[in-house]
Protein backbone atom coordinates (compact mmCIF):
# COMPACT_ATOMS: atom_id res chain seq x y z
CA MET A 1 50.47 65.34 -1.98
CA SER A 2 51.99 68.65 -2.97
CA LYS A 3 55.68 69.06 -3.62
CA ILE A 4 57.65 70.16 -0.58
CA ASP A 5 59.25 73.58 -0.94
CA ASP A 6 63.05 73.14 -0.94
CA GLU A 7 63.51 76.56 0.63
CA GLU A 8 61.15 75.66 3.50
CA ILE A 9 63.07 72.45 4.16
CA LYS A 10 66.40 74.29 4.25
CA ARG A 11 64.97 77.12 6.38
CA VAL A 12 63.54 74.71 8.97
CA TYR A 13 66.99 73.22 9.54
CA ILE A 14 68.84 76.55 9.62
CA GLN A 15 66.37 78.08 12.08
CA ALA A 16 65.91 74.98 14.28
CA ASP A 17 66.99 74.83 17.91
CA LEU A 18 69.58 72.15 18.65
CA LEU A 19 68.34 70.21 21.68
CA TYR A 20 70.97 67.43 21.70
CA GLY A 21 74.18 67.43 19.70
CA GLU A 22 75.64 64.40 17.96
CA ALA A 23 77.95 63.49 20.87
CA GLU A 24 75.07 63.61 23.36
CA VAL A 25 72.88 61.43 21.13
CA GLU A 26 75.68 58.91 20.60
CA HIS A 27 76.22 58.74 24.37
CA ALA A 28 72.49 58.06 24.84
CA ILE A 29 72.64 55.29 22.21
CA ASN A 30 75.57 53.67 24.05
CA LYS A 31 73.59 53.87 27.30
CA LEU A 32 70.56 52.29 25.59
CA ALA A 33 72.71 49.47 24.20
CA ALA A 34 74.12 48.70 27.66
CA LEU A 35 70.64 48.58 29.22
CA ILE A 36 69.22 46.41 26.45
CA THR A 37 72.22 44.06 26.57
CA LYS A 38 71.88 43.62 30.32
CA ASP A 39 68.18 42.84 30.02
CA MET A 40 68.07 40.73 26.85
CA MET A 41 71.47 39.02 26.52
CA ASN A 42 70.11 35.59 27.45
CA LYS A 43 66.86 35.77 25.48
CA THR A 44 68.00 35.50 21.82
CA PRO A 45 65.36 38.04 20.77
CA VAL A 46 63.98 39.07 17.43
CA VAL A 47 64.67 42.79 16.92
CA PHE A 48 62.38 44.91 14.76
CA PRO A 49 63.17 48.55 14.05
CA VAL A 50 60.01 50.41 13.02
CA LEU A 51 60.68 52.04 9.65
CA ASN A 52 61.22 54.73 8.63
CA GLY A 53 61.90 56.50 11.93
CA GLY A 54 63.61 53.55 13.61
CA LEU A 55 66.06 53.04 10.74
CA VAL A 56 68.85 55.22 12.12
CA ILE A 57 68.56 54.24 15.78
CA GLY A 58 68.00 50.58 14.84
CA GLY A 59 71.15 50.45 12.75
CA LYS A 60 73.22 52.19 15.38
CA LEU A 61 71.92 49.99 18.21
CA LEU A 62 72.28 46.66 16.41
CA THR A 63 76.05 46.99 16.16
CA LYS A 64 76.29 47.63 19.91
CA LEU A 65 74.14 44.71 21.12
CA ASN A 66 76.69 42.07 22.02
CA PHE A 67 74.48 38.98 22.15
CA PRO A 68 72.79 36.66 19.65
CA LEU A 69 69.69 38.13 18.06
CA GLU A 70 67.74 37.88 14.85
CA ALA A 71 67.14 41.19 13.08
CA GLY A 72 64.27 42.06 10.82
CA TYR A 73 62.14 45.14 10.41
CA LEU A 74 58.56 46.26 10.17
CA HIS A 75 57.08 49.29 8.53
CA ALA A 76 54.04 50.89 10.08
CA THR A 77 53.21 54.56 9.77
CA ARG A 78 50.66 57.16 10.72
CA TYR A 79 52.40 60.23 9.31
CA ARG A 80 53.07 59.61 5.60
CA ASN A 81 55.57 62.51 5.41
CA THR A 82 53.25 64.98 7.12
CA THR A 83 53.46 66.57 10.56
CA SER A 84 50.28 65.03 11.98
CA GLY A 85 49.16 61.45 12.39
CA HIS A 86 46.41 59.48 10.68
CA GLN A 87 45.16 55.90 11.02
CA LEU A 88 47.93 53.27 11.23
CA GLU A 89 48.98 51.82 7.91
CA TRP A 90 50.97 48.56 7.78
CA ILE A 91 53.39 48.77 4.87
CA VAL A 92 55.39 45.66 5.85
CA LYS A 93 54.49 43.35 8.72
CA PRO A 94 57.32 41.39 10.39
CA GLN A 95 58.69 38.70 8.09
CA ILE A 96 60.47 36.69 10.83
CA ASP A 97 58.51 34.18 12.90
CA PHE A 98 58.65 35.36 16.50
CA LYS A 99 56.02 33.12 18.08
CA GLY A 100 57.24 32.07 21.53
CA ARG A 101 60.22 34.43 21.37
CA ALA A 102 61.21 37.70 22.99
CA VAL A 103 60.77 40.71 20.70
CA LEU A 104 62.49 44.07 20.88
CA ILE A 105 60.80 46.92 19.02
CA ILE A 106 63.12 49.85 18.25
CA ASP A 107 61.66 53.21 17.31
CA ASP A 108 62.81 56.79 17.08
CA ILE A 109 60.29 58.40 19.43
CA LEU A 110 57.50 57.71 21.86
CA ASP A 111 55.27 60.73 21.32
CA GLU A 112 51.57 59.96 21.70
CA GLY A 113 52.24 56.26 21.25
CA HIS A 114 49.54 55.26 18.77
CA THR A 115 51.90 53.47 16.37
CA LEU A 116 53.91 51.75 19.10
CA ALA A 117 50.77 50.62 20.92
CA GLU A 118 49.45 48.94 17.79
CA VAL A 119 52.81 47.35 16.96
CA VAL A 120 53.20 45.99 20.51
CA SER A 121 49.62 44.70 20.48
CA TYR A 122 50.21 43.00 17.13
CA CYS A 123 53.39 41.26 18.36
CA ARG A 124 51.64 40.04 21.52
CA SER A 125 48.63 38.79 19.57
CA GLU A 126 50.94 36.91 17.19
CA GLY A 127 52.52 35.00 20.07
CA ALA A 128 55.66 36.84 21.22
CA SER A 129 56.70 35.56 24.65
CA GLU A 130 57.47 39.15 25.66
CA VAL A 131 57.66 42.50 23.88
CA LYS A 132 60.10 45.21 24.93
CA VAL A 133 60.30 48.70 23.42
CA ALA A 134 63.40 50.85 22.99
CA VAL A 135 63.11 54.45 21.83
CA LEU A 136 65.76 57.06 21.27
CA VAL A 137 63.43 59.82 22.46
CA HIS A 138 60.52 60.04 24.88
CA LYS A 139 58.50 63.22 24.43
CA ASN A 140 57.12 64.62 27.69
CA HIS A 141 53.48 65.72 27.53
CA ASP A 142 50.05 64.65 28.77
CA ARG A 143 48.44 63.75 25.41
CA LYS A 144 49.22 60.03 25.52
CA PRO A 145 45.88 58.24 25.07
CA ASN A 146 47.30 55.11 26.72
CA PRO A 147 49.32 56.23 29.76
CA GLU A 148 50.25 52.59 30.48
CA LEU A 149 52.29 52.40 27.27
CA LYS A 150 55.86 53.05 28.26
CA ALA A 151 59.15 52.33 26.59
CA ASP A 152 61.30 49.84 28.46
CA PHE A 153 64.47 51.60 27.30
CA VAL A 154 64.70 55.37 26.70
CA GLY A 155 67.71 57.27 25.43
CA LEU A 156 66.65 60.91 25.83
CA GLU A 157 63.78 62.94 27.25
CA ILE A 158 62.50 65.79 25.09
CA GLU A 159 60.25 68.75 25.72
CA ASP A 160 56.95 68.92 23.83
CA ARG A 161 58.11 70.40 20.53
CA TYR A 162 58.17 69.17 16.94
CA ILE A 163 61.60 67.55 16.55
CA PHE A 164 63.69 65.99 13.80
CA GLY A 165 67.05 64.30 13.31
CA TYR A 166 68.49 60.83 14.03
CA GLY A 167 65.62 59.18 12.20
CA MET A 168 62.85 61.64 13.06
CA ASP A 169 61.71 63.76 10.16
CA TYR A 170 60.20 67.05 9.18
CA LYS A 171 57.78 66.32 6.31
CA GLY A 172 59.95 63.37 5.25
CA TYR A 173 63.24 65.29 5.40
CA TRP A 174 66.13 65.68 7.85
CA ARG A 175 66.09 62.12 9.28
CA ASN A 176 69.82 62.44 8.61
CA ALA A 177 70.33 65.58 10.72
CA PRO A 178 73.33 65.13 13.06
CA GLY A 179 71.54 65.78 16.33
CA ILE A 180 68.04 66.27 17.72
CA PHE A 181 66.57 69.56 16.55
CA ALA A 182 63.31 71.34 17.39
CA VAL A 183 61.42 73.32 14.78
CA LYS A 184 61.49 77.01 15.65
CA GLU A 185 58.18 77.98 17.21
C-alpha cells in the first residue's frame, strides 16, 4: 500500500462538509443508549463493538448503558484503510462465549451492510440467543444487497456521501474528527 499524502489528509478535513456537529452526535449517542437500555436491560448481553470503526461509538455507548453486560470486541474489516470494500477479513473473532446469550453488535455505520451481515450471521451460527445491532449512522441509499438487514438501534441518518468522524475514517484517518463530515464532492 502506498503512503498516504499528509497534505491530502489535511485537505480532506479542511474542505469537508460538516453534516452533524459534536453536540448533535453526542445527543444521538444518548438517545441510542436510552433505546438500548430499555430493550436490553434485563438480558445481560454480550456487547461487541466492531473494530476499528465501532471503537469510538462503542466506548461512548458502554459508559451510558446502565445494566449488567459483558464487553468484548471483534475485528472484521472489508476496507483495510481504503475507500472501497473487499472480501471480509476476520482479524479477531469474539473471545467471549456468547452461546445462549443475547448479543449486541455496535458499529459506526450501516452502509451497504456486507460486514454487519456476516458478523450477525456468525453470531447466530455460533449460538447467540438473539443478535441486535446498534449503529451510529445509517446511510440512506438503495445499494444494500440484503434489504432485510436493518440496525435495531440507529443514531443518525446520513445522505449517500463518503463520510468520516466519530470512528468512521477516510483512508484510515480522521476517526477522531469531532463530528460527522462528508468528503467534498
